C-alpha atoms as a PDB file:
ATOM      1  CA  MET A   1       2.977  10.150   6.693  1.00  0.00           C
ATOM      2  CA  ALA A   2       0.045   8.992   8.790  1.00  0.00           C
ATOM      3  CA  ALA A   3      -1.099   5.383   8.598  1.00  0.00           C
ATOM      4  CA  ARG A   4      -4.735   6.436   9.137  1.00  0.00           C
ATOM      5  CA  ILE A   5      -6.381   9.489   7.636  1.00  0.00           C
ATOM      6  CA  CYS A   6      -9.821  10.658   8.719  1.00  0.00           C
ATOM      7  CA  CYS A   7     -11.820  13.004   6.498  1.00  0.00           C
ATOM      8  CA  ALA A   8     -14.879  14.708   7.979  1.00  0.00           C
ATOM      9  CA  ILE A   9     -17.590  15.517   5.459  1.00  0.00           C
ATOM     10  CA  ASP A  10     -20.840  17.447   5.601  1.00  0.00           C
ATOM     11  CA  PHE A  11     -21.677  17.133   1.875  1.00  0.00           C
ATOM     12  CA  SER A  12     -20.671  20.745   1.171  1.00  0.00           C
ATOM     13  CA  GLU A  13     -18.333  22.012  -1.547  1.00  0.00           C
ATOM     14  CA  ALA A  14     -15.618  22.479   1.094  1.00  0.00           C
ATOM     15  CA  SER A  15     -15.942  18.876   2.241  1.00  0.00           C
ATOM     16  CA  LEU A  16     -15.744  17.630  -1.356  1.00  0.00           C
ATOM     17  CA  LEU A  17     -12.430  19.466  -1.665  1.00  0.00           C
ATOM     18  CA  ALA A  18     -11.347  17.897   1.646  1.00  0.00           C
ATOM     19  CA  LEU A  19     -12.289  14.438   0.328  1.00  0.00           C
ATOM     20  CA  VAL A  20     -10.192  14.991  -2.801  1.00  0.00           C
ATOM     21  CA  GLU A  21      -7.218  16.099  -0.672  1.00  0.00           C
ATOM     22  CA  ALA A  22      -7.590  13.215   1.796  1.00  0.00           C
ATOM     23  CA  ALA A  23      -7.956  10.654  -0.989  1.00  0.00           C
ATOM     24  CA  GLU A  24      -4.868  11.959  -2.765  1.00  0.00           C
ATOM     25  CA  LEU A  25      -2.850  11.786   0.463  1.00  0.00           C
ATOM     26  CA  ALA A  26      -4.118   8.255   1.176  1.00  0.00           C
ATOM     27  CA  ARG A  27      -3.298   7.106  -2.368  1.00  0.00           C
ATOM     28  CA  TRP A  28       0.152   8.651  -2.249  1.00  0.00           C
ATOM     29  CA  SER A  29       1.050   7.339   1.221  1.00  0.00           C
ATOM     30  CA  GLY A  30      -0.846   4.043   1.304  1.00  0.00           C
ATOM     31  CA  ALA A  31      -2.742   5.205   4.403  1.00  0.00           C
ATOM     32  CA  GLU A  32      -6.163   3.862   5.366  1.00  0.00           C
ATOM     33  CA  LEU A  33      -8.904   6.452   4.729  1.00  0.00           C
ATOM     34  CA  THR A  34     -12.011   6.832   6.858  1.00  0.00           C
ATOM     35  CA  LEU A  35     -14.840   9.209   5.952  1.00  0.00           C
ATOM     36  CA  ILE A  36     -16.970  10.434   8.819  1.00  0.00           C
ATOM     37  CA  HIS A  37     -20.212  12.359   8.712  1.00  0.00           C
ATOM     38  CA  VAL A  38     -21.699  13.650  11.944  1.00  0.00           C
ATOM     39  CA  HIS A  39     -25.399  14.322  11.822  1.00  0.00           C
ATOM     40  CA  PRO A  40     -26.206  17.064  14.336  1.00  0.00           C
ATOM     41  CA  VAL A  41     -28.980  16.047  16.698  1.00  0.00           C
ATOM     42  CA  PRO A  42     -31.703  18.711  16.688  1.00  0.00           C
ATOM     43  CA  GLU A  43     -32.868  20.072  19.997  1.00  0.00           C
ATOM     44  CA  GLY A  44     -36.325  19.083  21.162  1.00  0.00           C
ATOM     45  CA  GLU A  45     -38.294  16.011  20.268  1.00  0.00           C
ATOM     46  CA  VAL A  46     -37.466  14.207  17.059  1.00  0.00           C
ATOM     47  CA  GLN A  47     -40.019  11.958  15.399  1.00  0.00           C
ATOM     48  CA  PRO A  48     -38.538   8.448  15.037  1.00  0.00           C
ATOM     49  CA  GLU A  49     -39.826   8.189  11.455  1.00  0.00           C
ATOM     50  CA  ALA A  50     -38.105  11.440  10.431  1.00  0.00           C
ATOM     51  CA  PHE A  51     -34.833  10.339  12.032  1.00  0.00           C
ATOM     52  CA  ALA A  52     -35.030   6.932  10.299  1.00  0.00           C
ATOM     53  CA  MET A  53     -35.623   8.591   6.896  1.00  0.00           C
ATOM     54  CA  ALA A  54     -32.713  10.995   7.459  1.00  0.00           C
ATOM     55  CA  SER A  55     -30.512   8.041   8.399  1.00  0.00           C
ATOM     56  CA  VAL A  56     -31.362   6.195   5.165  1.00  0.00           C
ATOM     57  CA  ASP A  57     -30.582   9.334   3.124  1.00  0.00           C
ATOM     58  CA  LEU A  58     -27.290   9.883   4.962  1.00  0.00           C
ATOM     59  CA  HIS A  59     -26.126   6.315   4.407  1.00  0.00           C
ATOM     60  CA  ARG A  60     -27.040   6.552   0.711  1.00  0.00           C
ATOM     61  CA  ASP A  61     -25.123   9.826   0.361  1.00  0.00           C
ATOM     62  CA  MET A  62     -22.145   8.371   2.238  1.00  0.00           C
ATOM     63  CA  GLY A  63     -22.161   5.459  -0.206  1.00  0.00           C
ATOM     64  CA  VAL A  64     -21.835   7.866  -3.142  1.00  0.00           C
ATOM     65  CA  TRP A  65     -19.043   9.829  -1.461  1.00  0.00           C
ATOM     66  CA  SER A  66     -17.299   6.628  -0.374  1.00  0.00           C
ATOM     67  CA  ALA A  67     -17.375   5.283  -3.934  1.00  0.00           C
ATOM     68  CA  GLU A  68     -15.765   8.503  -5.171  1.00  0.00           C
ATOM     69  CA  ALA A  69     -13.075   8.289  -2.481  1.00  0.00           C
ATOM     70  CA  GLU A  70     -12.394   4.621  -3.314  1.00  0.00           C
ATOM     71  CA  ARG A  71     -12.074   5.504  -6.991  1.00  0.00           C
ATOM     72  CA  ARG A  72      -9.517   8.173  -6.147  1.00  0.00           C
ATOM     73  CA  VAL A  73      -7.590   6.109  -3.563  1.00  0.00           C
ATOM     74  CA  GLY A  74      -7.707   2.812  -5.436  1.00  0.00           C
ATOM     75  CA  ALA A  75      -8.463   0.956  -2.188  1.00  0.00           C
ATOM     76  CA  PRO A  76     -11.404   0.373   0.154  1.00  0.00           C
ATOM     77  CA  VAL A  77     -12.496   3.328   2.280  1.00  0.00           C
ATOM     78  CA  ARG A  78     -14.167   3.034   5.688  1.00  0.00           C
ATOM     79  CA  THR A  79     -17.191   5.176   6.537  1.00  0.00           C
ATOM     80  CA  GLU A  80     -18.846   6.218   9.761  1.00  0.00           C
ATOM     81  CA  VAL A  81     -22.123   8.046  10.214  1.00  0.00           C
ATOM     82  CA  VAL A  82     -22.788   9.171  13.765  1.00  0.00           C
ATOM     83  CA  ALA A  83     -25.211  11.534  15.469  1.00  0.00           C
ATOM     84  CA  GLY A  84     -24.031  14.235  17.820  1.00  0.00           C
ATOM     85  CA  ASP A  85     -21.959  17.389  17.941  1.00  0.00           C
ATOM     86  CA  PRO A  86     -19.728  17.455  14.832  1.00  0.00           C
ATOM     87  CA  ALA A  87     -16.552  18.726  16.504  1.00  0.00           C
ATOM     88  CA  THR A  88     -16.911  16.391  19.482  1.00  0.00           C
ATOM     89  CA  GLU A  89     -17.436  13.306  17.313  1.00  0.00           C
ATOM     90  CA  VAL A  90     -14.600  14.107  14.890  1.00  0.00           C
ATOM     91  CA  LEU A  91     -12.274  14.615  17.865  1.00  0.00           C
ATOM     92  CA  ARG A  92     -13.463  11.319  19.366  1.00  0.00           C
ATOM     93  CA  LEU A  93     -12.535   9.516  16.143  1.00  0.00           C
ATOM     94  CA  ALA A  94      -9.162  11.269  16.060  1.00  0.00           C
ATOM     95  CA  ARG A  95      -8.415  10.084  19.588  1.00  0.00           C
ATOM     96  CA  ARG A  96      -9.037   6.491  18.468  1.00  0.00           C
ATOM     97  CA  GLY A  97      -5.871   6.605  16.401  1.00  0.00           C
ATOM     98  CA  SER A  98      -6.161   8.866  13.384  1.00  0.00           C
ATOM     99  CA  GLY A  99      -2.772  10.130  12.310  1.00  0.00           C
ATOM    100  CA  LEU A 100      -4.205  12.986  10.249  1.00  0.00           C
ATOM    101  CA  LEU A 101      -7.551  14.786  10.053  1.00  0.00           C
ATOM    102  CA  VAL A 102      -8.743  16.488   6.880  1.00  0.00           C
ATOM    103  CA  LEU A 103     -11.855  18.630   6.854  1.00  0.00           C
ATOM    104  CA  GLY A 104     -13.401  21.417   4.881  1.00  0.00           C
ATOM    105  CA  ALA A 105     -14.259  24.821   6.249  1.00  0.00           C
ATOM    106  CA  ARG A 106     -16.875  27.088   4.835  1.00  0.00           C
ATOM    107  CA  GLY A 107     -15.580  29.992   6.919  1.00  0.00           C
ATOM    108  CA  ARG A 108     -18.935  31.601   7.558  1.00  0.00           C
ATOM    109  CA  SER A 109     -18.148  32.824  11.044  1.00  0.00           C
ATOM    110  CA  ALA A 110     -16.773  36.179   9.902  1.00  0.00           C
ATOM    111  CA  PRO A 111     -17.690  38.682   7.210  1.00  0.00           C
ATOM    112  CA  GLY A 112     -15.981  37.771   3.960  1.00  0.00           C
ATOM    113  CA  GLY A 113     -15.338  34.187   5.126  1.00  0.00           C
ATOM    114  CA  ARG A 114     -11.851  35.014   6.422  1.00  0.00           C
ATOM    115  CA  ARG A 115     -12.037  32.785   9.511  1.00  0.00           C
ATOM    116  CA  LEU A 116     -12.539  29.081  10.034  1.00  0.00           C
ATOM    117  CA  GLY A 117     -15.975  27.860  10.977  1.00  0.00           C
ATOM    118  CA  SER A 118     -16.531  26.883  14.587  1.00  0.00           C
ATOM    119  CA  VAL A 119     -16.210  23.125  13.925  1.00  0.00           C
ATOM    120  CA  ALA A 120     -12.951  23.443  11.959  1.00  0.00           C
ATOM    121  CA  ALA A 121     -11.494  25.881  14.487  1.00  0.00           C
ATOM    122  CA  ARG A 122     -12.296  23.638  17.449  1.00  0.00           C
ATOM    123  CA  VAL A 123     -10.997  20.501  15.733  1.00  0.00           C
ATOM    124  CA  ALA A 124      -7.780  22.257  14.678  1.00  0.00           C
ATOM    125  CA  ARG A 125      -7.298  23.554  18.226  1.00  0.00           C
ATOM    126  CA  GLU A 126      -8.036  20.320  20.128  1.00  0.00           C
ATOM    127  CA  ALA A 127      -7.012  17.473  17.822  1.00  0.00           C
ATOM    128  CA  PRO A 128      -4.319  15.074  19.056  1.00  0.00           C
ATOM    129  CA  CYS A 129      -2.900  14.841  15.515  1.00  0.00           C
ATOM    130  CA  PRO A 130      -2.143  17.134  12.571  1.00  0.00           C
ATOM    131  CA  VAL A 131      -5.159  18.742  10.881  1.00  0.00           C
ATOM    132  CA  ILE A 132      -5.492  19.958   7.310  1.00  0.00           C
ATOM    133  CA  VAL A 133      -8.332  22.427   6.796  1.00  0.00           C
ATOM    134  CA  VAL A 134      -9.354  22.817   3.150  1.00  0.00           C
ATOM    135  CA  ARG A 135     -11.283  25.874   2.056  1.00  0.00           C
ATOM    136  CA  PRO A 136     -12.708  26.758  -1.327  1.00  0.00           C
ATOM    137  CA  ARG A 137     -10.389  29.148  -3.100  1.00  0.00           C
ATOM    138  CA  VAL A 138     -11.864  32.589  -3.503  1.00  0.00           C
ATOM    139  CA  PRO A 139     -10.000  34.938  -5.853  1.00  0.00           C
ATOM    140  CA  LEU A 140      -8.521  37.987  -4.190  1.00  0.00           C
ATOM    141  CA  PRO A 141      -9.902  41.344  -5.365  1.00  0.00           C
ATOM    142  CA  ASP A 142      -6.735  42.032  -7.401  1.00  0.00           C
ATOM    143  CA  GLU A 143      -7.054  38.643  -9.124  1.00  0.00           C
ATOM    144  CA  ALA A 144     -10.695  39.266 -10.044  1.00  0.00           C
ATOM    145  CA  GLU A 145      -9.749  42.584 -11.649  1.00  0.00           C
ATOM    146  CA  THR A 146      -6.976  40.884 -13.622  1.00  0.00           C
ATOM    147  CA  TYR A 147      -9.386  38.327 -15.073  1.00  0.00           C
ATOM    148  CA  HIS A 148     -11.916  40.968 -16.112  1.00  0.00           C
ATOM    149  CA  ALA A 149      -9.502  43.581 -17.407  1.00  0.00           C
ATOM    150  CA  ALA A 150      -8.969  43.981 -21.154  1.00  0.00           C
END
């Protein structure tokens, strides 16, 4: 098992599931866990005050998510908040020595959510280490009928 696990989060349901998976793997293997959030930089001019407020909010949110990960792992968890292109920054962190990447995928790039999102697909394709992509489980049509029958 990897000595370092990196979990990319965007504060979505899919990334919460990825955090749970990454924390469980880190707890089980004794690996160091790092949470990373990449704040996309908007095009055009950004007001410094707005960026500073967003940064404070992001660090607060990362603190909440980090505390949850530490509770699940039973050990300290590292966090990184960076600005830039999400796929590029996650790959940059992976190249610095992550043995495993875990990230969530919302799968909004195709009708019905059957494909990975562009960030997850690029990371899975270009990462120098294994990647686990966690997606919310959606019941198949046959399963939904089973639950509602009778």
